[in-house]
Amino acid sequence: SGTVMGTDTTIDLTSSALADATYSFSAKATDPVGNVSGCSSAHVSYTVDTTAPSTPNSLALQSPASSPDTDTTPTIRVGGVANGDTVSLYTDSGCSLPTLKGNATSSGATVDITVSSAMSDGSYTFYAQSKDAAGNASSCSGVSGFRCVPGRCRIFSQ
């Protein structure tokens, strides 16, 4: 709530800090002699969401179905995510952008993410992070590893 004095037909109002919730704003006007209008039929809804989503709690090889295999763009199933969250797969424990390997939007408690570019021979450790519609990011998940040697790849969890 707030009070603004003005002569224009539009105003900007800054409220005090709002807690996490959904709010509906409407307006009424008071003229210079004190006459108060009814509440407006138009309103604006606004949701405050500052809560991070849960940290993904599992990573597992989805495709290929078994390993070792020669697939250099494996699909990893990430569990413990919320419907509608964007889930990203990284190769560092800080979930930093330079190590992003792929992302997808979940449509349930799990999401499958296919590594977006071919991985060369070597050892890789994956971490997952969820981001909700408001942009709040979870912590990075525990690790899941993927080991590639010439012509073969296999996954392990720690």
C-alpha atoms as a PDB file:
ATOM      1  CA  SER A   1       0.000   0.000   0.000  1.00  0.00           C
ATOM      2  CA  GLY A   2       1.084   3.576  -0.455  1.00  0.00           C
ATOM      3  CA  THR A   3      -0.028   7.103  -1.172  1.00  0.00           C
ATOM      4  CA  VAL A   4       1.065   9.228  -4.103  1.00  0.00           C
ATOM      5  CA  MET A   5       0.195  12.831  -4.900  1.00  0.00           C
ATOM      6  CA  GLY A   6       0.093  13.754  -8.556  1.00  0.00           C
ATOM      7  CA  THR A   7      -1.652  15.512 -11.388  1.00  0.00           C
ATOM      8  CA  ASP A   8      -0.997  13.022 -14.197  1.00  0.00           C
ATOM      9  CA  THR A   9      -3.239  10.183 -15.252  1.00  0.00           C
ATOM     10  CA  THR A  10      -0.518   7.650 -14.441  1.00  0.00           C
ATOM     11  CA  ILE A  11       1.695   7.263 -11.402  1.00  0.00           C
ATOM     12  CA  ASP A  12       4.585   5.112 -10.278  1.00  0.00           C
ATOM     13  CA  LEU A  13       4.390   3.707  -6.789  1.00  0.00           C
ATOM     14  CA  THR A  14       7.186   2.019  -4.897  1.00  0.00           C
ATOM     15  CA  SER A  15       6.033  -0.146  -2.018  1.00  0.00           C
ATOM     16  CA  SER A  16       7.872  -1.344   1.021  1.00  0.00           C
ATOM     17  CA  ALA A  17       9.636  -4.702   0.694  1.00  0.00           C
ATOM     18  CA  LEU A  18       7.226  -7.542  -0.071  1.00  0.00           C
ATOM     19  CA  ALA A  19       7.502 -11.092   1.268  1.00  0.00           C
ATOM     20  CA  ASP A  20       7.256 -14.138  -1.017  1.00  0.00           C
ATOM     21  CA  ALA A  21       3.610 -14.308  -2.122  1.00  0.00           C
ATOM     22  CA  THR A  22       1.288 -13.321  -4.954  1.00  0.00           C
ATOM     23  CA  TYR A  23      -0.168  -9.826  -4.769  1.00  0.00           C
ATOM     24  CA  SER A  24      -2.978  -8.087  -6.620  1.00  0.00           C
ATOM     25  CA  PHE A  25      -2.758  -4.310  -6.917  1.00  0.00           C
ATOM     26  CA  SER A  26      -5.658  -1.973  -7.665  1.00  0.00           C
ATOM     27  CA  ALA A  27      -6.143   1.739  -7.108  1.00  0.00           C
ATOM     28  CA  LYS A  28      -8.509   4.420  -5.915  1.00  0.00           C
ATOM     29  CA  ALA A  29      -8.152   8.178  -6.143  1.00  0.00           C
ATOM     30  CA  THR A  30      -8.782  11.071  -3.790  1.00  0.00           C
ATOM     31  CA  ASP A  31      -9.353  14.503  -5.328  1.00  0.00           C
ATOM     32  CA  PRO A  32      -8.075  17.784  -3.809  1.00  0.00           C
ATOM     33  CA  VAL A  33     -11.276  18.275  -1.764  1.00  0.00           C
ATOM     34  CA  GLY A  34     -11.180  14.756  -0.293  1.00  0.00           C
ATOM     35  CA  ASN A  35     -13.674  12.856  -2.485  1.00  0.00           C
ATOM     36  CA  VAL A  36     -12.580   9.192  -2.751  1.00  0.00           C
ATOM     37  CA  SER A  37     -13.303   7.069  -5.803  1.00  0.00           C
ATOM     38  CA  GLY A  38     -14.274   3.418  -5.664  1.00  0.00           C
ATOM     39  CA  CYS A  39     -11.604   0.826  -6.076  1.00  0.00           C
ATOM     40  CA  SER A  40     -10.551   0.282  -9.705  1.00  0.00           C
ATOM     41  CA  SER A  41     -11.844  -2.783 -11.506  1.00  0.00           C
ATOM     42  CA  ALA A  42      -8.495  -3.092 -13.272  1.00  0.00           C
ATOM     43  CA  HIS A  43      -5.699  -4.704 -11.326  1.00  0.00           C
ATOM     44  CA  VAL A  44      -2.150  -5.960 -11.711  1.00  0.00           C
ATOM     45  CA  SER A  45      -0.985  -9.278 -10.264  1.00  0.00           C
ATOM     46  CA  TYR A  46       2.599  -9.693  -9.143  1.00  0.00           C
ATOM     47  CA  THR A  47       4.381 -12.671  -7.592  1.00  0.00           C
ATOM     48  CA  VAL A  48       7.463 -12.351  -5.400  1.00  0.00           C
ATOM     49  CA  ASP A  49       9.553 -15.545  -5.437  1.00  0.00           C
ATOM     50  CA  THR A  50      12.989 -15.438  -3.827  1.00  0.00           C
ATOM     51  CA  THR A  51      13.179 -19.122  -2.874  1.00  0.00           C
ATOM     52  CA  ALA A  52      15.681 -21.291  -4.724  1.00  0.00           C
ATOM     53  CA  PRO A  53      14.460 -24.625  -6.076  1.00  0.00           C
ATOM     54  CA  SER A  54      15.653 -27.881  -4.541  1.00  0.00           C
ATOM     55  CA  THR A  55      19.074 -29.128  -5.564  1.00  0.00           C
ATOM     56  CA  PRO A  56      18.898 -31.965  -8.121  1.00  0.00           C
ATOM     57  CA  ASN A  57      19.527 -35.206  -6.228  1.00  0.00           C
ATOM     58  CA  SER A  58      20.471 -37.791  -8.850  1.00  0.00           C
ATOM     59  CA  LEU A  59      22.235 -38.103 -12.179  1.00  0.00           C
ATOM     60  CA  ALA A  60      22.136 -41.324 -14.199  1.00  0.00           C
ATOM     61  CA  LEU A  61      23.051 -42.495 -17.681  1.00  0.00           C
ATOM     62  CA  GLN A  62      19.914 -42.666 -19.836  1.00  0.00           C
ATOM     63  CA  SER A  63      21.382 -43.146 -23.306  1.00  0.00           C
ATOM     64  CA  PRO A  64      23.234 -45.147 -24.389  1.00  0.00           C
ATOM     65  CA  ALA A  65      21.450 -47.854 -22.430  1.00  0.00           C
ATOM     66  CA  SER A  66      24.666 -49.524 -21.375  1.00  0.00           C
ATOM     67  CA  SER A  67      28.328 -48.828 -21.260  1.00  0.00           C
ATOM     68  CA  PRO A  68      30.985 -48.921 -22.384  1.00  0.00           C
ATOM     69  CA  ASP A  69      29.775 -47.339 -25.605  1.00  0.00           C
ATOM     70  CA  THR A  70      31.104 -45.069 -28.329  1.00  0.00           C
ATOM     71  CA  ASP A  71      28.391 -42.393 -27.881  1.00  0.00           C
ATOM     72  CA  THR A  72      30.176 -39.061 -27.312  1.00  0.00           C
ATOM     73  CA  THR A  73      26.942 -37.120 -26.633  1.00  0.00           C
ATOM     74  CA  PRO A  74      25.346 -39.157 -23.860  1.00  0.00           C
ATOM     75  CA  THR A  75      21.978 -38.347 -22.323  1.00  0.00           C
ATOM     76  CA  ILE A  76      21.959 -37.921 -18.558  1.00  0.00           C
ATOM     77  CA  ARG A  77      18.745 -38.196 -16.519  1.00  0.00           C
ATOM     78  CA  VAL A  78      18.636 -35.655 -13.688  1.00  0.00           C
ATOM     79  CA  GLY A  79      16.250 -36.361 -10.807  1.00  0.00           C
ATOM     80  CA  GLY A  80      14.851 -34.371  -7.924  1.00  0.00           C
ATOM     81  CA  VAL A  81      13.778 -31.393 -10.032  1.00  0.00           C
ATOM     82  CA  ALA A  82      10.487 -29.493 -10.194  1.00  0.00           C
ATOM     83  CA  ASN A  83       8.113 -29.310 -13.138  1.00  0.00           C
ATOM     84  CA  GLY A  84       8.954 -26.282 -15.300  1.00  0.00           C
ATOM     85  CA  ASP A  85      12.460 -25.731 -13.943  1.00  0.00           C
ATOM     86  CA  THR A  86      15.322 -25.269 -16.393  1.00  0.00           C
ATOM     87  CA  VAL A  87      17.958 -27.837 -15.495  1.00  0.00           C
ATOM     88  CA  SER A  88      21.543 -27.423 -16.666  1.00  0.00           C
ATOM     89  CA  LEU A  89      24.398 -29.922 -16.804  1.00  0.00           C
ATOM     90  CA  TYR A  90      27.961 -28.733 -16.045  1.00  0.00           C
ATOM     91  CA  THR A  91      31.422 -30.209 -15.653  1.00  0.00           C
ATOM     92  CA  ASP A  92      32.500 -28.197 -12.603  1.00  0.00           C
ATOM     93  CA  SER A  93      31.260 -28.088  -9.018  1.00  0.00           C
ATOM     94  CA  GLY A  94      30.557 -24.346  -9.265  1.00  0.00           C
ATOM     95  CA  CYS A  95      28.110 -24.867 -12.143  1.00  0.00           C
ATOM     96  CA  SER A  96      29.810 -22.060 -14.072  1.00  0.00           C
ATOM     97  CA  LEU A  97      28.723 -21.100 -17.580  1.00  0.00           C
ATOM     98  CA  PRO A  98      31.974 -21.979 -19.376  1.00  0.00           C
ATOM     99  CA  THR A  99      31.449 -25.639 -18.428  1.00  0.00           C
ATOM    100  CA  LEU A 100      27.767 -25.859 -19.491  1.00  0.00           C
ATOM    101  CA  LYS A 101      27.214 -29.097 -21.401  1.00  0.00           C
ATOM    102  CA  GLY A 102      23.460 -28.879 -22.008  1.00  0.00           C
ATOM    103  CA  ASN A 103      20.110 -27.939 -20.511  1.00  0.00           C
ATOM    104  CA  ALA A 104      16.429 -28.784 -20.724  1.00  0.00           C
ATOM    105  CA  THR A 105      13.122 -27.806 -19.132  1.00  0.00           C
ATOM    106  CA  SER A 106      11.652 -30.435 -16.841  1.00  0.00           C
ATOM    107  CA  SER A 107       8.099 -31.666 -17.243  1.00  0.00           C
ATOM    108  CA  GLY A 108       8.104 -33.627 -14.005  1.00  0.00           C
ATOM    109  CA  ALA A 109      10.493 -34.814 -11.295  1.00  0.00           C
ATOM    110  CA  THR A 110      13.174 -35.852 -13.813  1.00  0.00           C
ATOM    111  CA  VAL A 111      14.579 -34.429 -17.021  1.00  0.00           C
ATOM    112  CA  ASP A 112      16.842 -35.927 -19.682  1.00  0.00           C
ATOM    113  CA  ILE A 113      19.706 -33.732 -20.878  1.00  0.00           C
ATOM    114  CA  THR A 114      21.771 -34.671 -23.919  1.00  0.00           C
ATOM    115  CA  VAL A 115      25.322 -33.337 -23.951  1.00  0.00           C
ATOM    116  CA  SER A 116      25.165 -30.637 -26.642  1.00  0.00           C
ATOM    117  CA  SER A 117      28.589 -31.165 -28.246  1.00  0.00           C
ATOM    118  CA  ALA A 118      30.733 -34.250 -28.726  1.00  0.00           C
ATOM    119  CA  MET A 119      33.013 -35.115 -25.823  1.00  0.00           C
ATOM    120  CA  SER A 120      36.557 -36.148 -26.553  1.00  0.00           C
ATOM    121  CA  ASP A 121      38.417 -38.957 -24.807  1.00  0.00           C
ATOM    122  CA  GLY A 122      38.976 -38.097 -21.152  1.00  0.00           C
ATOM    123  CA  SER A 123      37.385 -38.062 -17.713  1.00  0.00           C
ATOM    124  CA  TYR A 124      34.345 -35.880 -16.974  1.00  0.00           C
ATOM    125  CA  THR A 125      32.464 -35.190 -13.794  1.00  0.00           C
ATOM    126  CA  PHE A 126      28.930 -33.815 -14.133  1.00  0.00           C
ATOM    127  CA  TYR A 127      26.933 -31.550 -11.831  1.00  0.00           C
ATOM    128  CA  ALA A 128      23.359 -30.330 -12.291  1.00  0.00           C
ATOM    129  CA  GLN A 129      21.602 -27.126 -11.264  1.00  0.00           C
ATOM    130  CA  SER A 130      17.916 -26.143 -11.413  1.00  0.00           C
ATOM    131  CA  LYS A 131      16.608 -22.663 -12.122  1.00  0.00           C
ATOM    132  CA  ASP A 132      12.948 -21.737 -11.544  1.00  0.00           C
ATOM    133  CA  ALA A 133      10.778 -19.367 -13.594  1.00  0.00           C
ATOM    134  CA  ALA A 134      11.757 -16.434 -11.353  1.00  0.00           C
ATOM    135  CA  GLY A 135      15.452 -17.058 -12.030  1.00  0.00           C
ATOM    136  CA  ASN A 136      16.319 -18.500  -8.609  1.00  0.00           C
ATOM    137  CA  ALA A 137      19.099 -21.091  -8.907  1.00  0.00           C
ATOM    138  CA  SER A 138      19.630 -24.177  -6.761  1.00  0.00           C
ATOM    139  CA  SER A 139      22.989 -25.265  -5.455  1.00  0.00           C
ATOM    140  CA  CYS A 140      25.001 -27.623  -7.644  1.00  0.00           C
ATOM    141  CA  SER A 141      24.171 -31.288  -7.256  1.00  0.00           C
ATOM    142  CA  GLY A 142      26.411 -34.059  -6.127  1.00  0.00           C
ATOM    143  CA  VAL A 143      28.587 -35.555  -8.812  1.00  0.00           C
ATOM    144  CA  SER A 144      28.205 -38.138 -11.498  1.00  0.00           C
ATOM    145  CA  GLY A 145      31.158 -39.044 -13.658  1.00  0.00           C
ATOM    146  CA  PHE A 146      31.629 -40.070 -17.238  1.00  0.00           C
ATOM    147  CA  ARG A 147      34.883 -41.680 -18.339  1.00  0.00           C
ATOM    148  CA  CYS A 148      35.812 -41.791 -22.003  1.00  0.00           C
ATOM    149  CA  VAL A 149      38.752 -43.736 -23.338  1.00  0.00           C
ATOM    150  CA  PRO A 150      39.415 -44.360 -27.014  1.00  0.00           C
ATOM    151  CA  GLY A 151      36.191 -45.754 -28.438  1.00  0.00           C
ATOM    152  CA  ARG A 152      34.418 -46.412 -25.095  1.00  0.00           C
ATOM    153  CA  CYS A 153      32.585 -44.339 -22.496  1.00  0.00           C
ATOM    154  CA  ARG A 154      31.040 -45.356 -19.191  1.00  0.00           C
ATOM    155  CA  ILE A 155      29.311 -43.500 -16.356  1.00  0.00           C
ATOM    156  CA  PHE A 156      29.827 -43.754 -12.601  1.00  0.00           C
ATOM    157  CA  SER A 157      28.368 -41.976  -9.577  1.00  0.00           C
ATOM    158  CA  GLN A 158      30.039 -40.754  -6.408  1.00  0.00           C
END
